Amino acid sequence: MFLDVVFYLAGAVLDLLWWAVMLAVVVQLLVNFGVLDTRNRIVWMIADFLYRVTEPLFGRVRRVLPNFGSIDLSPLVVLLLITACQMLLGAIRRSLFLNGMYF
């Protein structure tokens, strides 16, 4: 029962992070193309929040990736890493369940 809570919370955090990355990419694209105006206070607050949540991850990935000019592949790499963590979490849960160590 305790491990159910732990695995549920870890999965929920990874899901929320995945959606935050997707929203950050969409909002940044809309701002760059001029669809959204950052002078609007609500738009600025949403964009700033998403930037603060995702930029620590993007910055770490950007330091590892080579420079591709104006193309930023760090959100794609972060999404792939989040998905890999979700798969690993599921594999650990199944392994614990099958080995009888799941309580």
C-alpha atoms as a PDB file:
ATOM      1  CA  MET A   1       0.000   0.000   0.000  1.00  0.00           C
ATOM      2  CA  PHE A   2       2.832   2.408   0.804  1.00  0.00           C
ATOM      3  CA  LEU A   3       4.609   1.594  -2.456  1.00  0.00           C
ATOM      4  CA  ASP A   4       1.395   2.241  -4.378  1.00  0.00           C
ATOM      5  CA  VAL A   5       1.444   5.804  -3.085  1.00  0.00           C
ATOM      6  CA  VAL A   6       5.136   6.236  -3.875  1.00  0.00           C
ATOM      7  CA  PHE A   7       4.800   4.937  -7.427  1.00  0.00           C
ATOM      8  CA  TYR A   8       1.612   6.948  -8.007  1.00  0.00           C
ATOM      9  CA  LEU A   9       3.231  10.183  -6.823  1.00  0.00           C
ATOM     10  CA  ALA A  10       6.383   9.576  -8.861  1.00  0.00           C
ATOM     11  CA  GLY A  11       4.276   8.887 -11.953  1.00  0.00           C
ATOM     12  CA  ALA A  12       2.144  11.968 -11.344  1.00  0.00           C
ATOM     13  CA  VAL A  13       5.218  14.188 -10.988  1.00  0.00           C
ATOM     14  CA  LEU A  14       6.656  12.818 -14.232  1.00  0.00           C
ATOM     15  CA  ASP A  15       3.305  13.351 -15.999  1.00  0.00           C
ATOM     16  CA  LEU A  16       3.076  16.945 -14.774  1.00  0.00           C
ATOM     17  CA  LEU A  17       6.649  17.597 -15.838  1.00  0.00           C
ATOM     18  CA  TRP A  18       5.939  16.141 -19.293  1.00  0.00           C
ATOM     19  CA  TRP A  19       2.955  18.479 -19.710  1.00  0.00           C
ATOM     20  CA  ALA A  20       4.939  21.455 -18.407  1.00  0.00           C
ATOM     21  CA  VAL A  21       7.590  20.831 -21.078  1.00  0.00           C
ATOM     22  CA  MET A  22       4.960  20.550 -23.803  1.00  0.00           C
ATOM     23  CA  LEU A  23       3.208  23.733 -22.681  1.00  0.00           C
ATOM     24  CA  ALA A  24       6.503  25.601 -22.403  1.00  0.00           C
ATOM     25  CA  VAL A  25       7.380  24.691 -25.980  1.00  0.00           C
ATOM     26  CA  VAL A  26       3.952  25.713 -27.306  1.00  0.00           C
ATOM     27  CA  VAL A  27       3.894  29.001 -25.380  1.00  0.00           C
ATOM     28  CA  GLN A  28       7.433  29.854 -26.490  1.00  0.00           C
ATOM     29  CA  LEU A  29       6.536  29.152 -30.122  1.00  0.00           C
ATOM     30  CA  LEU A  30       3.414  31.311 -29.888  1.00  0.00           C
ATOM     31  CA  VAL A  31       5.411  34.142 -28.308  1.00  0.00           C
ATOM     32  CA  ASN A  32       8.143  33.882 -30.950  1.00  0.00           C
ATOM     33  CA  PHE A  33       5.610  33.982 -33.806  1.00  0.00           C
ATOM     34  CA  GLY A  34       3.835  36.981 -32.292  1.00  0.00           C
ATOM     35  CA  VAL A  35       0.558  35.236 -31.530  1.00  0.00           C
ATOM     36  CA  LEU A  36       0.917  35.878 -27.795  1.00  0.00           C
ATOM     37  CA  ASP A  37       2.062  39.215 -26.432  1.00  0.00           C
ATOM     38  CA  THR A  38       4.228  39.081 -23.307  1.00  0.00           C
ATOM     39  CA  ARG A  39       3.154  42.611 -22.377  1.00  0.00           C
ATOM     40  CA  ASN A  40      -0.108  41.009 -21.284  1.00  0.00           C
ATOM     41  CA  ARG A  41       0.358  40.285 -17.583  1.00  0.00           C
ATOM     42  CA  ILE A  42      -1.353  36.862 -17.603  1.00  0.00           C
ATOM     43  CA  VAL A  43       0.605  35.679 -20.632  1.00  0.00           C
ATOM     44  CA  TRP A  44       3.824  36.892 -19.037  1.00  0.00           C
ATOM     45  CA  MET A  45       3.048  35.108 -15.748  1.00  0.00           C
ATOM     46  CA  ILE A  46       2.278  31.819 -17.495  1.00  0.00           C
ATOM     47  CA  ALA A  47       5.365  32.035 -19.709  1.00  0.00           C
ATOM     48  CA  ASP A  48       7.555  32.972 -16.739  1.00  0.00           C
ATOM     49  CA  PHE A  49       6.211  30.080 -14.647  1.00  0.00           C
ATOM     50  CA  LEU A  50       6.802  27.569 -17.435  1.00  0.00           C
ATOM     51  CA  TYR A  51      10.277  28.991 -18.022  1.00  0.00           C
ATOM     52  CA  ARG A  52      11.190  28.657 -14.343  1.00  0.00           C
ATOM     53  CA  VAL A  53       9.926  25.072 -14.202  1.00  0.00           C
ATOM     54  CA  THR A  54      11.550  23.808 -17.388  1.00  0.00           C
ATOM     55  CA  GLU A  55      14.701  25.882 -17.840  1.00  0.00           C
ATOM     56  CA  PRO A  56      16.792  24.020 -15.224  1.00  0.00           C
ATOM     57  CA  LEU A  57      16.225  20.816 -17.201  1.00  0.00           C
ATOM     58  CA  PHE A  58      16.731  22.460 -20.580  1.00  0.00           C
ATOM     59  CA  GLY A  59      19.921  24.188 -19.442  1.00  0.00           C
ATOM     60  CA  ARG A  60      21.512  20.931 -18.291  1.00  0.00           C
ATOM     61  CA  VAL A  61      20.649  19.219 -21.562  1.00  0.00           C
ATOM     62  CA  ARG A  62      21.892  22.187 -23.643  1.00  0.00           C
ATOM     63  CA  ARG A  63      25.314  21.920 -21.995  1.00  0.00           C
ATOM     64  CA  VAL A  64      25.608  18.318 -23.211  1.00  0.00           C
ATOM     65  CA  LEU A  65      24.137  18.709 -26.707  1.00  0.00           C
ATOM     66  CA  PRO A  66      26.207  20.148 -29.533  1.00  0.00           C
ATOM     67  CA  ASN A  67      25.212  23.537 -30.949  1.00  0.00           C
ATOM     68  CA  PHE A  68      22.703  23.195 -33.804  1.00  0.00           C
ATOM     69  CA  GLY A  69      22.377  26.912 -34.451  1.00  0.00           C
ATOM     70  CA  SER A  70      18.869  28.215 -33.960  1.00  0.00           C
ATOM     71  CA  ILE A  71      17.362  24.733 -33.490  1.00  0.00           C
ATOM     72  CA  ASP A  72      16.833  23.808 -29.836  1.00  0.00           C
ATOM     73  CA  LEU A  73      16.526  20.071 -29.335  1.00  0.00           C
ATOM     74  CA  SER A  74      16.671  20.171 -25.544  1.00  0.00           C
ATOM     75  CA  PRO A  75      12.858  19.894 -25.062  1.00  0.00           C
ATOM     76  CA  LEU A  76      12.816  16.776 -27.231  1.00  0.00           C
ATOM     77  CA  VAL A  77      15.645  15.200 -25.229  1.00  0.00           C
ATOM     78  CA  VAL A  78      13.931  16.109 -21.938  1.00  0.00           C
ATOM     79  CA  LEU A  79      10.668  14.536 -23.135  1.00  0.00           C
ATOM     80  CA  LEU A  80      12.527  11.375 -24.119  1.00  0.00           C
ATOM     81  CA  LEU A  81      14.231  11.246 -20.714  1.00  0.00           C
ATOM     82  CA  ILE A  82      10.913  11.731 -18.901  1.00  0.00           C
ATOM     83  CA  THR A  83       9.357   8.917 -20.939  1.00  0.00           C
ATOM     84  CA  ALA A  84      12.347   6.673 -20.192  1.00  0.00           C
ATOM     85  CA  CYS A  85      11.955   7.426 -16.467  1.00  0.00           C
ATOM     86  CA  GLN A  86       8.265   6.517 -16.655  1.00  0.00           C
ATOM     87  CA  MET A  87       9.108   3.228 -18.341  1.00  0.00           C
ATOM     88  CA  LEU A  88      11.820   2.516 -15.759  1.00  0.00           C
ATOM     89  CA  LEU A  89       9.386   3.280 -12.943  1.00  0.00           C
ATOM     90  CA  GLY A  90       6.885   0.802 -14.398  1.00  0.00           C
ATOM     91  CA  ALA A  91       9.580  -1.858 -14.815  1.00  0.00           C
ATOM     92  CA  ILE A  92      10.725  -1.421 -11.211  1.00  0.00           C
ATOM     93  CA  ARG A  93       7.144  -1.697  -9.995  1.00  0.00           C
ATOM     94  CA  ARG A  94       6.545  -4.873 -12.004  1.00  0.00           C
ATOM     95  CA  SER A  95       9.840  -6.371 -10.832  1.00  0.00           C
ATOM     96  CA  LEU A  96       9.024  -5.695  -7.191  1.00  0.00           C
ATOM     97  CA  PHE A  97       5.552  -7.164  -7.635  1.00  0.00           C
ATOM     98  CA  LEU A  98       6.781 -10.323  -9.375  1.00  0.00           C
ATOM     99  CA  ASN A  99       9.554 -10.917  -6.821  1.00  0.00           C
ATOM    100  CA  GLY A 100       7.110 -10.668  -3.935  1.00  0.00           C
ATOM    101  CA  MET A 101       8.745  -7.592  -2.419  1.00  0.00           C
ATOM    102  CA  TYR A 102       5.780  -5.338  -3.163  1.00  0.00           C
ATOM    103  CA  PHE A 103       3.877  -4.528   0.002  1.00  0.00           C
END
